[in-house]
Amino acid sequence: MAVVNFRVDEETKKRMERLKHLNWSELLRRYVGEVVKEEEKRLAVVRDMSLIEESARAIEDLRSRSPEGWSGAEVVIQWRRARR
């Protein structure tokens, strides 16, 4: 297990010492673990949003290349009818 050190002000340290029944190392490990999980989730959403934005740009690019009045839905319907 790795060791991580951090600083607190003197008043906080005194208050922590009055609460000796608490396992500060375990509490801090849990808290850091929760923060890491939440941040990873947040970053995953940011990554997902960048993929969504990239996809939207690609769709817009394809749409802009389509002839005026062209309907993708109509083409799909025509191909479905042709399969029958």
C-alpha atoms as a PDB file:
ATOM      1  CA  MET A   1       0.000   0.000   0.000  1.00  0.00           C
ATOM      2  CA  ALA A   2       1.277   3.473  -0.880  1.00  0.00           C
ATOM      3  CA  VAL A   3       1.654   6.239   1.695  1.00  0.00           C
ATOM      4  CA  VAL A   4       0.117   9.681   1.185  1.00  0.00           C
ATOM      5  CA  ASN A   5       0.686  12.606   3.527  1.00  0.00           C
ATOM      6  CA  PHE A   6      -1.359  15.760   3.853  1.00  0.00           C
ATOM      7  CA  ARG A   7      -1.433  18.818   6.082  1.00  0.00           C
ATOM      8  CA  VAL A   8      -4.169  20.225   8.279  1.00  0.00           C
ATOM      9  CA  ASP A   9      -4.164  23.359  10.383  1.00  0.00           C
ATOM     10  CA  GLU A  10      -3.300  23.100  14.089  1.00  0.00           C
ATOM     11  CA  GLU A  11      -6.901  23.546  15.254  1.00  0.00           C
ATOM     12  CA  THR A  12      -8.122  20.689  13.059  1.00  0.00           C
ATOM     13  CA  LYS A  13      -5.305  18.464  14.302  1.00  0.00           C
ATOM     14  CA  LYS A  14      -6.263  19.164  17.937  1.00  0.00           C
ATOM     15  CA  ARG A  15      -9.885  18.391  17.208  1.00  0.00           C
ATOM     16  CA  MET A  16      -8.886  15.147  15.478  1.00  0.00           C
ATOM     17  CA  GLU A  17      -6.810  14.149  18.508  1.00  0.00           C
ATOM     18  CA  ARG A  18      -9.872  14.572  20.745  1.00  0.00           C
ATOM     19  CA  LEU A  19     -11.655  12.032  18.544  1.00  0.00           C
ATOM     20  CA  LYS A  20      -9.132   9.228  18.946  1.00  0.00           C
ATOM     21  CA  HIS A  21     -11.830   6.581  18.615  1.00  0.00           C
ATOM     22  CA  LEU A  22     -11.997   7.359  14.889  1.00  0.00           C
ATOM     23  CA  ASN A  23      -9.676   5.590  12.478  1.00  0.00           C
ATOM     24  CA  TRP A  24      -8.596   8.637  10.493  1.00  0.00           C
ATOM     25  CA  SER A  25      -6.572   6.633   7.996  1.00  0.00           C
ATOM     26  CA  GLU A  26      -9.557   4.458   7.131  1.00  0.00           C
ATOM     27  CA  LEU A  27     -11.915   7.437   6.926  1.00  0.00           C
ATOM     28  CA  LEU A  28      -9.555   9.281   4.613  1.00  0.00           C
ATOM     29  CA  ARG A  29      -8.990   6.189   2.432  1.00  0.00           C
ATOM     30  CA  ARG A  30     -12.767   5.805   2.017  1.00  0.00           C
ATOM     31  CA  TYR A  31     -13.291   9.485   1.305  1.00  0.00           C
ATOM     32  CA  VAL A  32     -10.475   9.646  -1.240  1.00  0.00           C
ATOM     33  CA  GLY A  33     -11.839   6.508  -2.898  1.00  0.00           C
ATOM     34  CA  GLU A  34     -15.309   8.081  -3.166  1.00  0.00           C
ATOM     35  CA  VAL A  35     -13.914  11.306  -4.614  1.00  0.00           C
ATOM     36  CA  VAL A  36     -11.844   9.366  -7.154  1.00  0.00           C
ATOM     37  CA  LYS A  37     -14.914   7.357  -8.261  1.00  0.00           C
ATOM     38  CA  GLU A  38     -17.034  10.486  -8.621  1.00  0.00           C
ATOM     39  CA  GLU A  39     -14.345  12.281 -10.604  1.00  0.00           C
ATOM     40  CA  GLU A  40     -13.894   9.262 -12.883  1.00  0.00           C
ATOM     41  CA  LYS A  41     -17.654   9.257 -13.531  1.00  0.00           C
ATOM     42  CA  ARG A  42     -17.583  12.983 -14.260  1.00  0.00           C
ATOM     43  CA  LEU A  43     -14.668  12.571 -16.660  1.00  0.00           C
ATOM     44  CA  ALA A  44     -16.421   9.652 -18.374  1.00  0.00           C
ATOM     45  CA  VAL A  45     -19.408  11.928 -19.008  1.00  0.00           C
ATOM     46  CA  VAL A  46     -17.101  14.591 -20.427  1.00  0.00           C
ATOM     47  CA  ARG A  47     -15.519  11.974 -22.704  1.00  0.00           C
ATOM     48  CA  ASP A  48     -18.972  10.757 -23.730  1.00  0.00           C
ATOM     49  CA  MET A  49     -20.026  14.324 -24.501  1.00  0.00           C
ATOM     50  CA  SER A  50     -16.987  14.818 -26.721  1.00  0.00           C
ATOM     51  CA  LEU A  51     -17.921  11.636 -28.615  1.00  0.00           C
ATOM     52  CA  ILE A  52     -21.493  12.895 -28.956  1.00  0.00           C
ATOM     53  CA  GLU A  53     -20.244  16.244 -30.248  1.00  0.00           C
ATOM     54  CA  GLU A  54     -17.924  14.499 -32.705  1.00  0.00           C
ATOM     55  CA  SER A  55     -20.808  12.329 -33.929  1.00  0.00           C
ATOM     56  CA  ALA A  56     -23.058  15.366 -34.299  1.00  0.00           C
ATOM     57  CA  ARG A  57     -20.390  17.098 -36.410  1.00  0.00           C
ATOM     58  CA  ALA A  58     -20.063  14.006 -38.627  1.00  0.00           C
ATOM     59  CA  ILE A  59     -23.840  13.817 -39.086  1.00  0.00           C
ATOM     60  CA  GLU A  60     -24.009  17.520 -39.891  1.00  0.00           C
ATOM     61  CA  ASP A  61     -21.200  17.089 -42.423  1.00  0.00           C
ATOM     62  CA  LEU A  62     -23.067  14.245 -44.115  1.00  0.00           C
ATOM     63  CA  ARG A  63     -26.325  16.189 -44.030  1.00  0.00           C
ATOM     64  CA  SER A  64     -24.706  19.214 -45.642  1.00  0.00           C
ATOM     65  CA  ARG A  65     -23.500  17.024 -48.536  1.00  0.00           C
ATOM     66  CA  SER A  66     -27.029  15.730 -49.220  1.00  0.00           C
ATOM     67  CA  PRO A  67     -28.924  17.232 -52.153  1.00  0.00           C
ATOM     68  CA  GLU A  68     -31.636  19.787 -51.370  1.00  0.00           C
ATOM     69  CA  GLY A  69     -34.906  18.062 -50.456  1.00  0.00           C
ATOM     70  CA  TRP A  70     -33.320  14.631 -50.031  1.00  0.00           C
ATOM     71  CA  SER A  71     -34.929  12.500 -47.311  1.00  0.00           C
ATOM     72  CA  GLY A  72     -33.043   9.638 -45.763  1.00  0.00           C
ATOM     73  CA  ALA A  73     -36.301   8.294 -44.338  1.00  0.00           C
ATOM     74  CA  GLU A  74     -37.794   8.042 -47.819  1.00  0.00           C
ATOM     75  CA  VAL A  75     -34.736   6.169 -49.094  1.00  0.00           C
ATOM     76  CA  VAL A  76     -34.991   3.679 -46.220  1.00  0.00           C
ATOM     77  CA  ILE A  77     -38.681   3.131 -46.981  1.00  0.00           C
ATOM     78  CA  GLN A  78     -37.889   2.556 -50.663  1.00  0.00           C
ATOM     79  CA  TRP A  79     -35.186  -0.016 -49.832  1.00  0.00           C
ATOM     80  CA  ARG A  80     -37.507  -1.810 -47.404  1.00  0.00           C
ATOM     81  CA  ARG A  81     -40.206  -1.997 -50.049  1.00  0.00           C
ATOM     82  CA  ALA A  82     -37.675  -3.291 -52.593  1.00  0.00           C
ATOM     83  CA  ARG A  83     -36.742  -6.200 -50.286  1.00  0.00           C
ATOM     84  CA  ARG A  84     -40.272  -7.605 -50.298  1.00  0.00           C
END
